[in-house]
């Protein structure tokens, strides 16, 4: 069942330990985008978030993970452009946003830089995604954004061949061979 808890990978265990020592594994990026359609970006992000269960995952008892059910998930993304023109303050707010907020493992905020440019502040906690997964998410948001702008319809994306939960289940069932222990 999708909402049942399942084992962490060894890498996730190390990230949980690091976070408990105030050293989380997070990646922060900024992108300046001209003529950004904020409503279209918000719709594209919502489509991607709805598609990926691990964007709704939480740690259970420090040793397991679980995907939150529909009624437990954070509200849909609502993007608001900070018009103060102070990207440094927005950067600090984004980076502080994940601290002390259980269940929040990614954040996105926007700051207006000038009349045409909006800075996107993106913070990803790598607890529930790796670098490749984050690139897939960005590519999917970009593809939805493009398609929504061209024809008003979301992109038609292939379903992932393997869910992360399936990977963890397979990893947990692996047994070391006698040769690998020598």
C-alpha atoms as a PDB file:
ATOM      1  CA  UNK A   1       0.000   0.000   0.000  1.00  0.00           C
ATOM      2  CA  UNK A   2       1.417   3.392  -1.012  1.00  0.00           C
ATOM      3  CA  UNK A   3       1.064   4.975   2.456  1.00  0.00           C
ATOM      4  CA  UNK A   4       2.763   2.096   4.319  1.00  0.00           C
ATOM      5  CA  UNK A   5       6.209   2.865   5.726  1.00  0.00           C
ATOM      6  CA  UNK A   6       9.227   1.318   4.034  1.00  0.00           C
ATOM      7  CA  UNK A   7      12.965   1.170   4.651  1.00  0.00           C
ATOM      8  CA  UNK A   8      15.384   4.014   4.062  1.00  0.00           C
ATOM      9  CA  UNK A   9      18.335   3.428   1.762  1.00  0.00           C
ATOM     10  CA  UNK A  10      21.803   3.548   3.358  1.00  0.00           C
ATOM     11  CA  UNK A  11      22.348   7.001   1.784  1.00  0.00           C
ATOM     12  CA  UNK A  12      19.088   8.271   3.265  1.00  0.00           C
ATOM     13  CA  UNK A  13      20.129   6.992   6.696  1.00  0.00           C
ATOM     14  CA  UNK A  14      23.317   9.069   6.420  1.00  0.00           C
ATOM     15  CA  UNK A  15      21.256  12.146   5.428  1.00  0.00           C
ATOM     16  CA  UNK A  16      18.909  11.647   8.400  1.00  0.00           C
ATOM     17  CA  UNK A  17      21.936  11.469  10.706  1.00  0.00           C
ATOM     18  CA  UNK A  18      23.419  14.597   9.110  1.00  0.00           C
ATOM     19  CA  UNK A  19      20.142  16.494   9.455  1.00  0.00           C
ATOM     20  CA  UNK A  20      19.908  15.481  13.123  1.00  0.00           C
ATOM     21  CA  UNK A  21      23.373  17.065  13.584  1.00  0.00           C
ATOM     22  CA  UNK A  22      22.200  20.279  11.856  1.00  0.00           C
ATOM     23  CA  UNK A  23      24.003  19.363   8.639  1.00  0.00           C
ATOM     24  CA  UNK A  24      21.287  18.526   6.083  1.00  0.00           C
ATOM     25  CA  UNK A  25      22.147  17.635   2.500  1.00  0.00           C
ATOM     26  CA  UNK A  26      20.443  20.415   0.570  1.00  0.00           C
ATOM     27  CA  UNK A  27      20.969  21.985  -2.825  1.00  0.00           C
ATOM     28  CA  UNK A  28      20.083  25.614  -3.450  1.00  0.00           C
ATOM     29  CA  UNK A  29      19.865  27.172  -6.925  1.00  0.00           C
ATOM     30  CA  UNK A  30      18.786  30.483  -8.388  1.00  0.00           C
ATOM     31  CA  UNK A  31      17.610  31.101 -11.929  1.00  0.00           C
ATOM     32  CA  UNK A  32      16.815  34.482 -13.468  1.00  0.00           C
ATOM     33  CA  UNK A  33      13.937  34.172 -15.927  1.00  0.00           C
ATOM     34  CA  UNK A  34      12.674  36.893 -18.236  1.00  0.00           C
ATOM     35  CA  UNK A  35       8.953  37.258 -18.982  1.00  0.00           C
ATOM     36  CA  UNK A  36       7.984  34.438 -16.620  1.00  0.00           C
ATOM     37  CA  UNK A  37       4.303  33.492 -16.622  1.00  0.00           C
ATOM     38  CA  UNK A  38       3.959  32.800 -12.885  1.00  0.00           C
ATOM     39  CA  UNK A  39       0.497  31.219 -13.148  1.00  0.00           C
ATOM     40  CA  UNK A  40       1.715  28.827 -15.859  1.00  0.00           C
ATOM     41  CA  UNK A  41       4.810  27.915 -13.821  1.00  0.00           C
ATOM     42  CA  UNK A  42       2.613  27.241 -10.795  1.00  0.00           C
ATOM     43  CA  UNK A  43       0.383  24.952 -12.865  1.00  0.00           C
ATOM     44  CA  UNK A  44       3.421  23.105 -14.282  1.00  0.00           C
ATOM     45  CA  UNK A  45       4.853  22.581 -10.785  1.00  0.00           C
ATOM     46  CA  UNK A  46       1.515  21.310  -9.474  1.00  0.00           C
ATOM     47  CA  UNK A  47       1.349  18.762 -12.307  1.00  0.00           C
ATOM     48  CA  UNK A  48       4.843  17.469 -11.517  1.00  0.00           C
ATOM     49  CA  UNK A  49       4.284  17.385  -7.747  1.00  0.00           C
ATOM     50  CA  UNK A  50       1.067  15.403  -8.223  1.00  0.00           C
ATOM     51  CA  UNK A  51       2.925  12.884 -10.397  1.00  0.00           C
ATOM     52  CA  UNK A  52       5.796  12.059  -8.011  1.00  0.00           C
ATOM     53  CA  UNK A  53       4.899  10.373  -4.696  1.00  0.00           C
ATOM     54  CA  UNK A  54       8.325  10.947  -3.130  1.00  0.00           C
ATOM     55  CA  UNK A  55       7.680  14.699  -3.167  1.00  0.00           C
ATOM     56  CA  UNK A  56       5.126  13.842  -0.465  1.00  0.00           C
ATOM     57  CA  UNK A  57       7.387  11.608   1.637  1.00  0.00           C
ATOM     58  CA  UNK A  58       8.277  11.969   5.315  1.00  0.00           C
ATOM     59  CA  UNK A  59      10.603  10.185   7.728  1.00  0.00           C
ATOM     60  CA  UNK A  60       8.926   7.933  10.283  1.00  0.00           C
ATOM     61  CA  UNK A  61      10.684   7.249  13.601  1.00  0.00           C
ATOM     62  CA  UNK A  62      14.040   8.194  12.078  1.00  0.00           C
ATOM     63  CA  UNK A  63      14.368   4.817  10.366  1.00  0.00           C
ATOM     64  CA  UNK A  64      11.554   4.514   7.825  1.00  0.00           C
ATOM     65  CA  UNK A  65       9.893   6.639   5.161  1.00  0.00           C
ATOM     66  CA  UNK A  66       6.312   6.939   4.091  1.00  0.00           C
ATOM     67  CA  UNK A  67       4.418   8.721   1.345  1.00  0.00           C
ATOM     68  CA  UNK A  68       1.694  10.894   2.808  1.00  0.00           C
ATOM     69  CA  UNK A  69      -1.881  10.159   1.796  1.00  0.00           C
ATOM     70  CA  UNK A  70      -3.900  12.707  -0.178  1.00  0.00           C
ATOM     71  CA  UNK A  71      -5.397  14.349   2.931  1.00  0.00           C
ATOM     72  CA  UNK A  72      -2.014  14.684   4.673  1.00  0.00           C
ATOM     73  CA  UNK A  73      -0.060  16.379   1.913  1.00  0.00           C
ATOM     74  CA  UNK A  74       0.997  20.002   1.940  1.00  0.00           C
ATOM     75  CA  UNK A  75      -1.333  22.371   0.099  1.00  0.00           C
ATOM     76  CA  UNK A  76      -0.715  22.854  -3.612  1.00  0.00           C
ATOM     77  CA  UNK A  77       2.067  25.273  -4.523  1.00  0.00           C
ATOM     78  CA  UNK A  78       1.007  28.907  -4.597  1.00  0.00           C
ATOM     79  CA  UNK A  79       3.691  31.111  -6.075  1.00  0.00           C
ATOM     80  CA  UNK A  80       3.862  34.721  -4.975  1.00  0.00           C
ATOM     81  CA  UNK A  81       6.423  37.112  -6.397  1.00  0.00           C
ATOM     82  CA  UNK A  82       8.286  39.091  -3.741  1.00  0.00           C
ATOM     83  CA  UNK A  83       8.286  42.613  -5.138  1.00  0.00           C
ATOM     84  CA  UNK A  84      10.741  43.985  -2.558  1.00  0.00           C
ATOM     85  CA  UNK A  85      13.626  43.480  -4.969  1.00  0.00           C
ATOM     86  CA  UNK A  86      15.801  42.046  -2.213  1.00  0.00           C
ATOM     87  CA  UNK A  87      16.950  38.629  -3.483  1.00  0.00           C
ATOM     88  CA  UNK A  88      19.363  38.159  -0.560  1.00  0.00           C
ATOM     89  CA  UNK A  89      16.494  38.249   1.925  1.00  0.00           C
ATOM     90  CA  UNK A  90      14.444  35.854  -0.216  1.00  0.00           C
ATOM     91  CA  UNK A  91      17.470  33.528  -0.430  1.00  0.00           C
ATOM     92  CA  UNK A  92      17.768  33.463   3.379  1.00  0.00           C
ATOM     93  CA  UNK A  93      14.019  32.890   3.751  1.00  0.00           C
ATOM     94  CA  UNK A  94      14.064  30.019   1.257  1.00  0.00           C
ATOM     95  CA  UNK A  95      17.046  28.354   2.898  1.00  0.00           C
ATOM     96  CA  UNK A  96      15.521  28.769   6.368  1.00  0.00           C
ATOM     97  CA  UNK A  97      12.161  27.548   5.089  1.00  0.00           C
ATOM     98  CA  UNK A  98      13.003  23.869   5.395  1.00  0.00           C
ATOM     99  CA  UNK A  99      14.477  24.110   8.866  1.00  0.00           C
ATOM    100  CA  UNK A 100      12.005  23.199  11.552  1.00  0.00           C
ATOM    101  CA  UNK A 101       9.246  22.323   9.094  1.00  0.00           C
ATOM    102  CA  UNK A 102       8.784  18.574   9.242  1.00  0.00           C
ATOM    103  CA  UNK A 103       7.616  17.102   5.977  1.00  0.00           C
ATOM    104  CA  UNK A 104       8.861  19.992   3.835  1.00  0.00           C
ATOM    105  CA  UNK A 105      11.739  18.781   1.687  1.00  0.00           C
ATOM    106  CA  UNK A 106      11.678  21.319  -1.116  1.00  0.00           C
ATOM    107  CA  UNK A 107      10.764  24.962  -1.505  1.00  0.00           C
ATOM    108  CA  UNK A 108      10.479  27.432  -4.331  1.00  0.00           C
ATOM    109  CA  UNK A 109      10.184  31.205  -4.028  1.00  0.00           C
ATOM    110  CA  UNK A 110      10.241  34.100  -6.489  1.00  0.00           C
ATOM    111  CA  UNK A 111      11.757  37.589  -6.337  1.00  0.00           C
ATOM    112  CA  UNK A 112      11.264  40.341  -8.916  1.00  0.00           C
ATOM    113  CA  UNK A 113      14.650  41.612 -10.039  1.00  0.00           C
ATOM    114  CA  UNK A 114      13.461  44.182 -12.564  1.00  0.00           C
ATOM    115  CA  UNK A 115      10.537  44.884 -14.879  1.00  0.00           C
ATOM    116  CA  UNK A 116      11.179  41.779 -16.999  1.00  0.00           C
ATOM    117  CA  UNK A 117      13.161  39.454 -14.722  1.00  0.00           C
ATOM    118  CA  UNK A 118      12.057  37.186 -11.887  1.00  0.00           C
ATOM    119  CA  UNK A 119      14.564  35.198  -9.852  1.00  0.00           C
ATOM    120  CA  UNK A 120      13.490  31.668  -8.986  1.00  0.00           C
ATOM    121  CA  UNK A 121      14.927  30.426  -5.663  1.00  0.00           C
ATOM    122  CA  UNK A 122      14.869  26.628  -5.453  1.00  0.00           C
ATOM    123  CA  UNK A 123      15.896  24.586  -2.427  1.00  0.00           C
ATOM    124  CA  UNK A 124      15.910  20.786  -2.539  1.00  0.00           C
ATOM    125  CA  UNK A 125      16.586  18.511   0.399  1.00  0.00           C
ATOM    126  CA  UNK A 126      18.337  15.523  -1.144  1.00  0.00           C
ATOM    127  CA  UNK A 127      16.796  13.150   1.405  1.00  0.00           C
ATOM    128  CA  UNK A 128      14.127  12.029  -1.058  1.00  0.00           C
ATOM    129  CA  UNK A 129      15.827  12.684  -4.400  1.00  0.00           C
ATOM    130  CA  UNK A 130      19.221  12.402  -5.987  1.00  0.00           C
ATOM    131  CA  UNK A 131      20.828  14.701  -8.545  1.00  0.00           C
ATOM    132  CA  UNK A 132      19.383  12.763 -11.476  1.00  0.00           C
ATOM    133  CA  UNK A 133      15.881  12.870  -9.978  1.00  0.00           C
ATOM    134  CA  UNK A 134      16.118  16.631  -9.445  1.00  0.00           C
ATOM    135  CA  UNK A 135      17.107  17.073 -13.102  1.00  0.00           C
ATOM    136  CA  UNK A 136      14.133  14.918 -14.155  1.00  0.00           C
ATOM    137  CA  UNK A 137      11.800  17.075 -12.046  1.00  0.00           C
ATOM    138  CA  UNK A 138      13.182  20.297 -13.537  1.00  0.00           C
ATOM    139  CA  UNK A 139      12.913  18.877 -17.058  1.00  0.00           C
ATOM    140  CA  UNK A 140       9.274  17.857 -16.437  1.00  0.00           C
ATOM    141  CA  UNK A 141       8.365  21.294 -15.041  1.00  0.00           C
ATOM    142  CA  UNK A 142      10.028  22.911 -18.061  1.00  0.00           C
ATOM    143  CA  UNK A 143       8.190  20.617 -20.497  1.00  0.00           C
ATOM    144  CA  UNK A 144       4.801  21.243 -18.861  1.00  0.00           C
ATOM    145  CA  UNK A 145       5.496  24.999 -18.808  1.00  0.00           C
ATOM    146  CA  UNK A 146       6.330  24.956 -22.528  1.00  0.00           C
ATOM    147  CA  UNK A 147       3.324  22.825 -23.503  1.00  0.00           C
ATOM    148  CA  UNK A 148       0.907  24.839 -21.381  1.00  0.00           C
ATOM    149  CA  UNK A 149       2.136  27.974 -23.146  1.00  0.00           C
ATOM    150  CA  UNK A 150       1.897  26.536 -26.635  1.00  0.00           C
ATOM    151  CA  UNK A 151      -1.475  24.865 -26.510  1.00  0.00           C
ATOM    152  CA  UNK A 152      -2.831  25.134 -23.031  1.00  0.00           C
ATOM    153  CA  UNK A 153      -2.439  21.396 -22.412  1.00  0.00           C
ATOM    154  CA  UNK A 154       0.053  19.675 -20.106  1.00  0.00           C
ATOM    155  CA  UNK A 155       2.839  17.612 -21.611  1.00  0.00           C
ATOM    156  CA  UNK A 156       2.268  13.905 -22.173  1.00  0.00           C
ATOM    157  CA  UNK A 157       4.993  12.282 -20.094  1.00  0.00           C
ATOM    158  CA  UNK A 158       5.857   8.606 -19.821  1.00  0.00           C
ATOM    159  CA  UNK A 159       5.257   6.939 -16.487  1.00  0.00           C
ATOM    160  CA  UNK A 160       8.470   6.109 -14.634  1.00  0.00           C
ATOM    161  CA  UNK A 161       9.556   2.508 -15.192  1.00  0.00           C
ATOM    162  CA  UNK A 162      10.361   1.994 -11.505  1.00  0.00           C
ATOM    163  CA  UNK A 163       8.963   3.748  -8.432  1.00  0.00           C
ATOM    164  CA  UNK A 164      11.409   4.649  -5.663  1.00  0.00           C
ATOM    165  CA  UNK A 165       9.473   2.463  -3.243  1.00  0.00           C
ATOM    166  CA  UNK A 166      10.002  -0.506  -5.587  1.00  0.00           C
ATOM    167  CA  UNK A 167      13.716   0.261  -5.709  1.00  0.00           C
ATOM    168  CA  UNK A 168      13.871   0.336  -1.876  1.00  0.00           C
ATOM    169  CA  UNK A 169      11.945  -2.928  -1.644  1.00  0.00           C
ATOM    170  CA  UNK A 170      14.347  -4.577  -4.098  1.00  0.00           C
ATOM    171  CA  UNK A 171      17.367  -3.129  -2.309  1.00  0.00           C
ATOM    172  CA  UNK A 172      16.088  -4.501   1.005  1.00  0.00           C
ATOM    173  CA  UNK A 173      15.674  -7.983  -0.432  1.00  0.00           C
ATOM    174  CA  UNK A 174      19.243  -8.181  -1.760  1.00  0.00           C
ATOM    175  CA  UNK A 175      21.543 -10.556   0.067  1.00  0.00           C
ATOM    176  CA  UNK A 176      25.297 -10.281  -0.014  1.00  0.00           C
ATOM    177  CA  UNK A 177      27.013 -13.152  -1.762  1.00  0.00           C
ATOM    178  CA  UNK A 178      29.843 -15.083  -0.109  1.00  0.00           C
ATOM    179  CA  UNK A 179      32.208 -13.734  -2.811  1.00  0.00           C
ATOM    180  CA  UNK A 180      31.317 -10.106  -2.085  1.00  0.00           C
ATOM    181  CA  UNK A 181      32.101 -10.581   1.600  1.00  0.00           C
ATOM    182  CA  UNK A 182      35.618 -11.861   0.996  1.00  0.00           C
END
